[in-house]
C-alpha cells in the first residue's frame, strides 16, 4: 500500500528540469509491517523499489524520515539502493 509520495526537482547539467518522486510503501505480512521506497523519474524513464532495512524503519515515522532524507538529497533511482545500504550498515 502506498502511504505517501514526495517530489523533488532540479536542473540537470544540460539545463533540463528533472523531477523525481519518492513513494513510501507499506506491506503487512505474517504480523509484521515492512516498508519500501519506490523512487522514480517523472515521465517514466526509470523506477526502482527498495526495501528499507528494519533497523532504519521500525515504524512509519522512521520510514518517512528515510524517505524525506532521500528526497532532500535528491537521490536518483540509480542510487537509492546504494544509499539505503549505506544507511543500514
PDB file of N, CA and C in Angstrom:
ATOM      1  N   UNK A   1       0.842  -1.169   0.000  1.00  0.00           N
ATOM      2  CA  UNK A   1       0.000   0.000   0.000  1.00  0.00           C
ATOM      3  C   UNK A   1       0.896   1.244   0.000  1.00  0.00           C
ATOM      4  N   UNK A   2       0.576   2.183  -0.851  1.00  0.00           N
ATOM      5  CA  UNK A   2       1.331   3.422  -0.921  1.00  0.00           C
ATOM      6  C   UNK A   2       0.819   4.383   0.150  1.00  0.00           C
ATOM      7  N   UNK A   3       1.717   4.874   0.985  1.00  0.00           N
ATOM      8  CA  UNK A   3       1.342   5.762   2.085  1.00  0.00           C
ATOM      9  C   UNK A   3       1.422   7.223   1.662  1.00  0.00           C
ATOM     10  N   UNK A   4       2.531   7.607   1.030  1.00  0.00           N
ATOM     11  CA  UNK A   4       2.695   8.998   0.595  1.00  0.00           C
ATOM     12  C   UNK A   4       3.747   9.062  -0.498  1.00  0.00           C
ATOM     13  N   UNK A   5       3.787  10.192  -1.185  1.00  0.00           N
ATOM     14  CA  UNK A   5       4.775  10.424  -2.243  1.00  0.00           C
ATOM     15  C   UNK A   5       5.327  11.835  -2.078  1.00  0.00           C
ATOM     16  N   UNK A   6       6.640  11.940  -2.123  1.00  0.00           N
ATOM     17  CA  UNK A   6       7.315  13.234  -2.126  1.00  0.00           C
ATOM     18  C   UNK A   6       7.911  13.440  -3.509  1.00  0.00           C
ATOM     19  N   UNK A   7       8.023  14.691  -3.915  1.00  0.00           N
ATOM     20  CA  UNK A   7       8.604  15.018  -5.217  1.00  0.00           C
ATOM     21  C   UNK A   7       9.678  16.076  -5.022  1.00  0.00           C
ATOM     22  N   UNK A   8      10.705  15.972  -5.822  1.00  0.00           N
ATOM     23  CA  UNK A   8      11.738  16.997  -5.811  1.00  0.00           C
ATOM     24  C   UNK A   8      12.205  17.231  -7.238  1.00  0.00           C
ATOM     25  N   UNK A   9      12.667  18.428  -7.496  1.00  0.00           N
ATOM     26  CA  UNK A   9      13.111  18.762  -8.840  1.00  0.00           C
ATOM     27  C   UNK A   9      14.405  19.548  -8.823  1.00  0.00           C
ATOM     28  N   UNK A  10      15.117  19.499  -9.933  1.00  0.00           N
ATOM     29  CA  UNK A  10      16.350  20.237 -10.090  1.00  0.00           C
ATOM     30  C   UNK A  10      16.682  20.329 -11.573  1.00  0.00           C
ATOM     31  N   UNK A  11      17.662  21.169 -11.881  1.00  0.00           N
ATOM     32  CA  UNK A  11      18.102  21.297 -13.272  1.00  0.00           C
ATOM     33  C   UNK A  11      19.328  20.412 -13.472  1.00  0.00           C
ATOM     34  N   UNK A  12      19.316  19.682 -14.578  1.00  0.00           N
ATOM     35  CA  UNK A  12      20.453  18.835 -14.914  1.00  0.00           C
ATOM     36  C   UNK A  12      21.595  19.708 -15.419  1.00  0.00           C
ATOM     37  N   UNK A  13      22.748  19.090 -15.626  1.00  0.00           N
ATOM     38  CA  UNK A  13      23.894  19.827 -16.150  1.00  0.00           C
ATOM     39  C   UNK A  13      23.605  20.395 -17.538  1.00  0.00           C
ATOM     40  N   UNK A  14      22.686  19.748 -18.254  1.00  0.00           N
ATOM     41  CA  UNK A  14      22.306  20.223 -19.582  1.00  0.00           C
ATOM     42  C   UNK A  14      21.252  21.321 -19.514  1.00  0.00           C
ATOM     43  N   UNK A  15      20.806  21.686 -18.311  1.00  0.00           N
ATOM     44  CA  UNK A  15      19.811  22.727 -18.151  1.00  0.00           C
ATOM     45  C   UNK A  15      18.373  22.247 -18.200  1.00  0.00           C
ATOM     46  N   UNK A  16      18.171  20.925 -18.300  1.00  0.00           N
ATOM     47  CA  UNK A  16      16.815  20.384 -18.323  1.00  0.00           C
ATOM     48  C   UNK A  16      16.303  20.205 -16.902  1.00  0.00           C
ATOM     49  N   UNK A  17      15.001  20.448 -16.729  1.00  0.00           N
ATOM     50  CA  UNK A  17      14.390  20.194 -15.429  1.00  0.00           C
ATOM     51  C   UNK A  17      14.136  18.711 -15.274  1.00  0.00           C
ATOM     52  N   UNK A  18      14.516  18.165 -14.128  1.00  0.00           N
ATOM     53  CA  UNK A  18      14.280  16.760 -13.800  1.00  0.00           C
ATOM     54  C   UNK A  18      13.432  16.713 -12.541  1.00  0.00           C
ATOM     55  N   UNK A  19      12.443  15.852 -12.523  1.00  0.00           N
ATOM     56  CA  UNK A  19      11.592  15.669 -11.360  1.00  0.00           C
ATOM     57  C   UNK A  19      11.653  14.209 -10.949  1.00  0.00           C
ATOM     58  N   UNK A  20      11.833  13.997  -9.670  1.00  0.00           N
ATOM     59  CA  UNK A  20      11.931  12.641  -9.146  1.00  0.00           C
ATOM     60  C   UNK A  20      10.892  12.478  -8.038  1.00  0.00           C
ATOM     61  N   UNK A  21      10.270  11.309  -7.990  1.00  0.00           N
ATOM     62  CA  UNK A  21       9.285  11.007  -6.957  1.00  0.00           C
ATOM     63  C   UNK A  21       9.800   9.922  -6.025  1.00  0.00           C
ATOM     64  N   UNK A  22       9.361  10.001  -4.780  1.00  0.00           N
ATOM     65  CA  UNK A  22       9.765   9.045  -3.746  1.00  0.00           C
ATOM     66  C   UNK A  22       8.489   8.599  -3.031  1.00  0.00           C
ATOM     67  N   UNK A  23       8.096   7.364  -3.242  1.00  0.00           N
ATOM     68  CA  UNK A  23       6.863   6.845  -2.638  1.00  0.00           C
ATOM     69  C   UNK A  23       7.212   5.931  -1.477  1.00  0.00           C
ATOM     70  N   UNK A  24       6.518   6.111  -0.367  1.00  0.00           N
ATOM     71  CA  UNK A  24       6.681   5.230   0.787  1.00  0.00           C
ATOM     72  C   UNK A  24       5.614   4.148   0.706  1.00  0.00           C
ATOM     73  N   UNK A  25       6.052   2.904   0.700  1.00  0.00           N
ATOM     74  CA  UNK A  25       5.161   1.754   0.599  1.00  0.00           C
ATOM     75  C   UNK A  25       5.180   0.975   1.902  1.00  0.00           C
ATOM     76  N   UNK A  26       4.025   0.398   2.250  1.00  0.00           N
ATOM     77  CA  UNK A  26       3.903  -0.416   3.460  1.00  0.00           C
ATOM     78  C   UNK A  26       3.317  -1.761   3.079  1.00  0.00           C
ATOM     79  N   UNK A  27       3.900  -2.826   3.643  1.00  0.00           N
ATOM     80  CA  UNK A  27       3.381  -4.168   3.407  1.00  0.00           C
ATOM     81  C   UNK A  27       3.244  -4.872   4.751  1.00  0.00           C
ATOM     82  N   UNK A  28       2.074  -5.457   4.957  1.00  0.00           N
ATOM     83  CA  UNK A  28       1.813  -6.227   6.176  1.00  0.00           C
ATOM     84  C   UNK A  28       1.769  -7.695   5.808  1.00  0.00           C
ATOM     85  N   UNK A  29       2.622  -8.481   6.481  1.00  0.00           N
ATOM     86  CA  UNK A  29       2.662  -9.917   6.225  1.00  0.00           C
ATOM     87  C   UNK A  29       3.115 -10.644   7.477  1.00  0.00           C
ATOM     88  N   UNK A  30       2.426 -11.707   7.812  1.00  0.00           N
ATOM     89  CA  UNK A  30       2.782 -12.536   8.969  1.00  0.00           C
ATOM     90  C   UNK A  30       2.909 -11.731  10.262  1.00  0.00           C
ATOM     91  N   UNK A  31       2.024 -10.770  10.434  1.00  0.00           N
ATOM     92  CA  UNK A  31       2.025  -9.962  11.649  1.00  0.00           C
ATOM     93  C   UNK A  31       3.117  -8.910  11.704  1.00  0.00           C
ATOM     94  N   UNK A  32       3.879  -8.742  10.643  1.00  0.00           N
ATOM     95  CA  UNK A  32       4.945  -7.745  10.584  1.00  0.00           C
ATOM     96  C   UNK A  32       4.580  -6.662   9.578  1.00  0.00           C
ATOM     97  N   UNK A  33       5.127  -5.503   9.799  1.00  0.00           N
ATOM     98  CA  UNK A  33       4.985  -4.401   8.848  1.00  0.00           C
ATOM     99  C   UNK A  33       6.362  -4.107   8.274  1.00  0.00           C
ATOM    100  N   UNK A  34       6.446  -4.083   6.963  1.00  0.00           N
ATOM    101  CA  UNK A  34       7.697  -3.753   6.293  1.00  0.00           C
ATOM    102  C   UNK A  34       7.470  -2.521   5.420  1.00  0.00           C
ATOM    103  N   UNK A  35       8.547  -1.761   5.233  1.00  0.00           N
ATOM    104  CA  UNK A  35       8.458  -0.542   4.441  1.00  0.00           C
ATOM    105  C   UNK A  35       9.427  -0.597   3.265  1.00  0.00           C
ATOM    106  N   UNK A  36       9.022   0.014   2.184  1.00  0.00           N
ATOM    107  CA  UNK A  36       9.863   0.106   0.995  1.00  0.00           C
ATOM    108  C   UNK A  36       9.730   1.511   0.422  1.00  0.00           C
ATOM    109  N   UNK A  37      10.683   1.854  -0.414  1.00  0.00           N
ATOM    110  CA  UNK A  37      10.647   3.126  -1.122  1.00  0.00           C
ATOM    111  C   UNK A  37      10.684   2.828  -2.612  1.00  0.00           C
ATOM    112  N   UNK A  38       9.777   3.459  -3.322  1.00  0.00           N
ATOM    113  CA  UNK A  38       9.804   3.397  -4.781  1.00  0.00           C
ATOM    114  C   UNK A  38      10.251   4.763  -5.264  1.00  0.00           C
ATOM    115  N   UNK A  39      11.373   4.788  -5.939  1.00  0.00           N
ATOM    116  CA  UNK A  39      11.928   6.030  -6.464  1.00  0.00           C
ATOM    117  C   UNK A  39      11.767   5.994  -7.976  1.00  0.00           C
ATOM    118  N   UNK A  40      11.294   7.093  -8.552  1.00  0.00           N
ATOM    119  CA  UNK A  40      11.010   7.101  -9.984  1.00  0.00           C
ATOM    120  C   UNK A  40      11.225   8.482 -10.574  1.00  0.00           C
ATOM    121  N   UNK A  41      11.604   8.493 -11.846  1.00  0.00           N
ATOM    122  CA  UNK A  41      11.676   9.737 -12.603  1.00  0.00           C
ATOM    123  C   UNK A  41      10.288  10.076 -13.093  1.00  0.00           C
ATOM    124  N   UNK A  42       9.889  11.322 -12.959  1.00  0.00           N
ATOM    125  CA  UNK A  42       8.633  11.769 -13.549  1.00  0.00           C
ATOM    126  C   UNK A  42       8.775  11.626 -15.061  1.00  0.00           C
ATOM    127  N   UNK A  43       7.786  11.082 -15.704  1.00  0.00           N
ATOM    128  CA  UNK A  43       7.866  10.831 -17.126  1.00  0.00           C
ATOM    129  C   UNK A  43       8.146   9.371 -17.438  1.00  0.00           C
ATOM    130  N   UNK A  44       8.433   8.582 -16.394  1.00  0.00           N
ATOM    131  CA  UNK A  44       8.504   7.148 -16.549  1.00  0.00           C
ATOM    132  C   UNK A  44       9.758   6.540 -17.126  1.00  0.00           C
ATOM    133  N   UNK A  45      10.900   7.230 -17.086  1.00  0.00           N
ATOM    134  CA  UNK A  45      12.086   6.611 -17.675  1.00  0.00           C
ATOM    135  C   UNK A  45      13.012   6.005 -16.621  1.00  0.00           C
ATOM    136  N   UNK A  46      12.460   5.382 -15.624  1.00  0.00           N
ATOM    137  CA  UNK A  46      13.259   4.673 -14.627  1.00  0.00           C
ATOM    138  C   UNK A  46      12.576   4.640 -13.281  1.00  0.00           C
ATOM    139  N   UNK A  47      12.492   3.465 -12.677  1.00  0.00           N
ATOM    140  CA  UNK A  47      11.861   3.302 -11.377  1.00  0.00           C
ATOM    141  C   UNK A  47      12.544   2.147 -10.661  1.00  0.00           C
ATOM    142  N   UNK A  48      12.687   2.274  -9.360  1.00  0.00           N
ATOM    143  CA  UNK A  48      13.261   1.201  -8.561  1.00  0.00           C
ATOM    144  C   UNK A  48      12.507   1.119  -7.238  1.00  0.00           C
ATOM    145  N   UNK A  49      12.337  -0.109  -6.742  1.00  0.00           N
ATOM    146  CA  UNK A  49      11.709  -0.303  -5.432  1.00  0.00           C
ATOM    147  C   UNK A  49      12.722  -0.997  -4.542  1.00  0.00           C
ATOM    148  N   UNK A  50      12.967  -0.418  -3.373  1.00  0.00           N
ATOM    149  CA  UNK A  50      13.937  -0.956  -2.427  1.00  0.00           C
ATOM    150  C   UNK A  50      13.290  -1.092  -1.057  1.00  0.00           C
ATOM    151  N   UNK A  51      13.489  -2.235  -0.438  1.00  0.00           N
ATOM    152  CA  UNK A  51      13.000  -2.427   0.928  1.00  0.00           C
ATOM    153  C   UNK A  51      13.946  -1.724   1.880  1.00  0.00           C
ATOM    154  N   UNK A  52      13.376  -1.096   2.902  1.00  0.00           N
ATOM    155  CA  UNK A  52      14.177  -0.400   3.904  1.00  0.00           C
ATOM    156  C   UNK A  52      14.499  -1.393   5.017  1.00  0.00           C
ATOM    157  N   UNK A  53      15.739  -1.439   5.410  1.00  0.00           N
ATOM    158  CA  UNK A  53      16.151  -2.335   6.489  1.00  0.00           C
ATOM    159  C   UNK A  53      15.347  -1.998   7.747  1.00  0.00           C
ATOM    160  N   UNK A  54      14.830  -3.015   8.449  1.00  0.00           N
ATOM    161  CA  UNK A  54      14.022  -2.751   9.656  1.00  0.00           C
ATOM    162  C   UNK A  54      14.744  -1.901  10.704  1.00  0.00           C
ATOM    163  N   UNK A  55      16.061  -1.952  10.712  1.00  0.00           N
ATOM    164  CA  UNK A  55      16.845  -1.116  11.630  1.00  0.00           C
ATOM    165  C   UNK A  55      16.569   0.371  11.386  1.00  0.00           C
ATOM    166  N   UNK A  56      16.356   0.738  10.123  1.00  0.00           N
ATOM    167  CA  UNK A  56      16.095   2.132   9.763  1.00  0.00           C
ATOM    168  C   UNK A  56      14.622   2.496   9.818  1.00  0.00           C
ATOM    169  N   UNK A  57      13.755   1.491   9.701  1.00  0.00           N
ATOM    170  CA  UNK A  57      12.317   1.756   9.580  1.00  0.00           C
ATOM    171  C   UNK A  57      11.525   0.841  10.502  1.00  0.00           C
ATOM    172  N   UNK A  58      11.667   1.069  11.786  1.00  0.00           N
ATOM    173  CA  UNK A  58      10.943   0.248  12.753  1.00  0.00           C
ATOM    174  C   UNK A  58       9.474   0.648  12.864  1.00  0.00           C
ATOM    175  N   UNK A  59       9.134   1.829  12.349  1.00  0.00           N
ATOM    176  CA  UNK A  59       7.743   2.293  12.353  1.00  0.00           C
ATOM    177  C   UNK A  59       7.555   3.278  11.186  1.00  0.00           C
ATOM    178  N   UNK A  60       6.340   3.726  11.000  1.00  0.00           N
ATOM    179  CA  UNK A  60       6.029   4.596   9.859  1.00  0.00           C
ATOM    180  C   UNK A  60       6.780   5.927   9.938  1.00  0.00           C
ATOM    181  N   UNK A  61       6.916   6.482  11.123  1.00  0.00           N
ATOM    182  CA  UNK A  61       7.630   7.760  11.266  1.00  0.00           C
ATOM    183  C   UNK A  61       9.094   7.620  10.874  1.00  0.00           C
ATOM    184  N   UNK A  62       9.725   6.537  11.285  1.00  0.00           N
ATOM    185  CA  UNK A  62      11.127   6.305  10.932  1.00  0.00           C
ATOM    186  C   UNK A  62      11.266   6.072   9.429  1.00  0.00           C
ATOM    187  N   UNK A  63      10.332   5.331   8.828  1.00  0.00           N
ATOM    188  CA  UNK A  63      10.360   5.083   7.385  1.00  0.00           C
ATOM    189  C   UNK A  63      10.174   6.393   6.622  1.00  0.00           C
ATOM    190  N   UNK A  64       9.282   7.257   7.093  1.00  0.00           N
ATOM    191  CA  UNK A  64       9.066   8.545   6.449  1.00  0.00           C
ATOM    192  C   UNK A  64      10.330   9.404   6.546  1.00  0.00           C
ATOM    193  N   UNK A  65      11.032   9.339   7.665  1.00  0.00           N
ATOM    194  CA  UNK A  65      12.272  10.103   7.828  1.00  0.00           C
ATOM    195  C   UNK A  65      13.311   9.679   6.791  1.00  0.00           C
ATOM    196  N   UNK A  66      13.391   8.376   6.515  1.00  0.00           N
ATOM    197  CA  UNK A  66      14.303   7.885   5.479  1.00  0.00           C
ATOM    198  C   UNK A  66      13.869   8.423   4.113  1.00  0.00           C
ATOM    199  N   UNK A  67      12.583   8.345   3.829  1.00  0.00           N
ATOM    200  CA  UNK A  67      12.050   8.856   2.573  1.00  0.00           C
ATOM    201  C   UNK A  67      12.385  10.337   2.413  1.00  0.00           C
ATOM    202  N   UNK A  68      12.183  11.106   3.463  1.00  0.00           N
ATOM    203  CA  UNK A  68      12.435  12.541   3.442  1.00  0.00           C
ATOM    204  C   UNK A  68      13.916  12.836   3.190  1.00  0.00           C
ATOM    205  N   UNK A  69      14.792  12.073   3.838  1.00  0.00           N
ATOM    206  CA  UNK A  69      16.239  12.263   3.640  1.00  0.00           C
ATOM    207  C   UNK A  69      16.629  12.013   2.186  1.00  0.00           C
ATOM    208  N   UNK A  70      16.055  10.964   1.589  1.00  0.00           N
ATOM    209  CA  UNK A  70      16.351  10.673   0.187  1.00  0.00           C
ATOM    210  C   UNK A  70      15.872  11.795  -0.727  1.00  0.00           C
ATOM    211  N   UNK A  71      14.677  12.311  -0.452  1.00  0.00           N
ATOM    212  CA  UNK A  71      14.136  13.397  -1.271  1.00  0.00           C
ATOM    213  C   UNK A  71      14.979  14.663  -1.114  1.00  0.00           C
ATOM    214  N   UNK A  72      15.372  14.985   0.100  1.00  0.00           N
ATOM    215  CA  UNK A  72      16.201  16.183   0.322  1.00  0.00           C
ATOM    216  C   UNK A  72      17.566  16.050  -0.345  1.00  0.00           C
ATOM    217  N   UNK A  73      18.089  14.833  -0.389  1.00  0.00           N
ATOM    218  CA  UNK A  73      19.383  14.584  -1.032  1.00  0.00           C
ATOM    219  C   UNK A  73      19.255  14.495  -2.548  1.00  0.00           C
ATOM    220  N   UNK A  74      18.010  14.510  -3.044  1.00  0.00           N
ATOM    221  CA  UNK A  74      17.730  14.398  -4.473  1.00  0.00           C
ATOM    222  C   UNK A  74      18.367  13.139  -5.057  1.00  0.00           C
ATOM    223  N   UNK A  75      18.213  12.040  -4.330  1.00  0.00           N
ATOM    224  CA  UNK A  75      18.766  10.752  -4.765  1.00  0.00           C
ATOM    225  C   UNK A  75      18.043  10.284  -6.016  1.00  0.00           C
ATOM    226  N   UNK A  76      18.786   9.843  -6.993  1.00  0.00           N
ATOM    227  CA  UNK A  76      18.183   9.354  -8.230  1.00  0.00           C
ATOM    228  C   UNK A  76      17.816   7.887  -8.065  1.00  0.00           C
ATOM    229  N   UNK A  77      16.913   7.387  -8.899  1.00  0.00           N
ATOM    230  CA  UNK A  77      16.567   5.967  -8.829  1.00  0.00           C
ATOM    231  C   UNK A  77      17.786   5.052  -8.961  1.00  0.00           C
ATOM    232  N   UNK A  78      18.806   5.522  -9.648  1.00  0.00           N
ATOM    233  CA  UNK A  78      20.013   4.719  -9.824  1.00  0.00           C
ATOM    234  C   UNK A  78      20.807   4.553  -8.535  1.00  0.00           C
ATOM    235  N   UNK A  79      20.659   5.479  -7.590  1.00  0.00           N
ATOM    236  CA  UNK A  79      21.490   5.472  -6.393  1.00  0.00           C
ATOM    237  C   UNK A  79      20.755   5.146  -5.096  1.00  0.00           C
ATOM    238  N   UNK A  80      19.440   5.043  -5.136  1.00  0.00           N
ATOM    239  CA  UNK A  80      18.668   4.843  -3.906  1.00  0.00           C
ATOM    240  C   UNK A  80      19.073   3.562  -3.181  1.00  0.00           C
ATOM    241  N   UNK A  81      19.207   2.470  -3.902  1.00  0.00           N
ATOM    242  CA  UNK A  81      19.547   1.201  -3.258  1.00  0.00           C
ATOM    243  C   UNK A  81      20.905   1.284  -2.556  1.00  0.00           C
ATOM    244  N   UNK A  82      21.888   1.886  -3.192  1.00  0.00           N
ATOM    245  CA  UNK A  82      23.209   2.034  -2.575  1.00  0.00           C
ATOM    246  C   UNK A  82      23.137   2.911  -1.331  1.00  0.00           C
ATOM    247  N   UNK A  83      22.381   3.995  -1.410  1.00  0.00           N
ATOM    248  CA  UNK A  83      22.253   4.890  -0.264  1.00  0.00           C
ATOM    249  C   UNK A  83      21.575   4.181   0.900  1.00  0.00           C
ATOM    250  N   UNK A  84      20.510   3.443   0.621  1.00  0.00           N
ATOM    251  CA  UNK A  84      19.833   2.694   1.686  1.00  0.00           C
ATOM    252  C   UNK A  84      20.757   1.655   2.303  1.00  0.00           C
ATOM    253  N   UNK A  85      21.539   0.975   1.483  1.00  0.00           N
ATOM    254  CA  UNK A  85      22.503   0.005   2.016  1.00  0.00           C
ATOM    255  C   UNK A  85      23.527   0.681   2.905  1.00  0.00           C
ATOM    256  N   UNK A  86      24.021   1.834   2.487  1.00  0.00           N
ATOM    257  CA  UNK A  86      24.997   2.573   3.298  1.00  0.00           C
ATOM    258  C   UNK A  86      24.382   3.016   4.618  1.00  0.00           C
ATOM    259  N   UNK A  87      23.134   3.447   4.602  1.00  0.00           N
ATOM    260  CA  UNK A  87      22.462   3.898   5.818  1.00  0.00           C
ATOM    261  C   UNK A  87      22.215   2.747   6.780  1.00  0.00           C
ATOM    262  N   UNK A  88      22.029   1.544   6.256  1.00  0.00           N
ATOM    263  CA  UNK A  88      21.685   0.392   7.094  1.00  0.00           C
ATOM    264  C   UNK A  88      22.859  -0.265   7.775  1.00  0.00           C
ATOM    265  N   UNK A  89      24.060   0.118   7.402  1.00  0.00           N
ATOM    266  CA  UNK A  89      25.242  -0.534   7.984  1.00  0.00           C
ATOM    267  C   UNK A  89      25.617   0.027   9.320  1.00  0.00           C
TER     268      UNK A  89
END
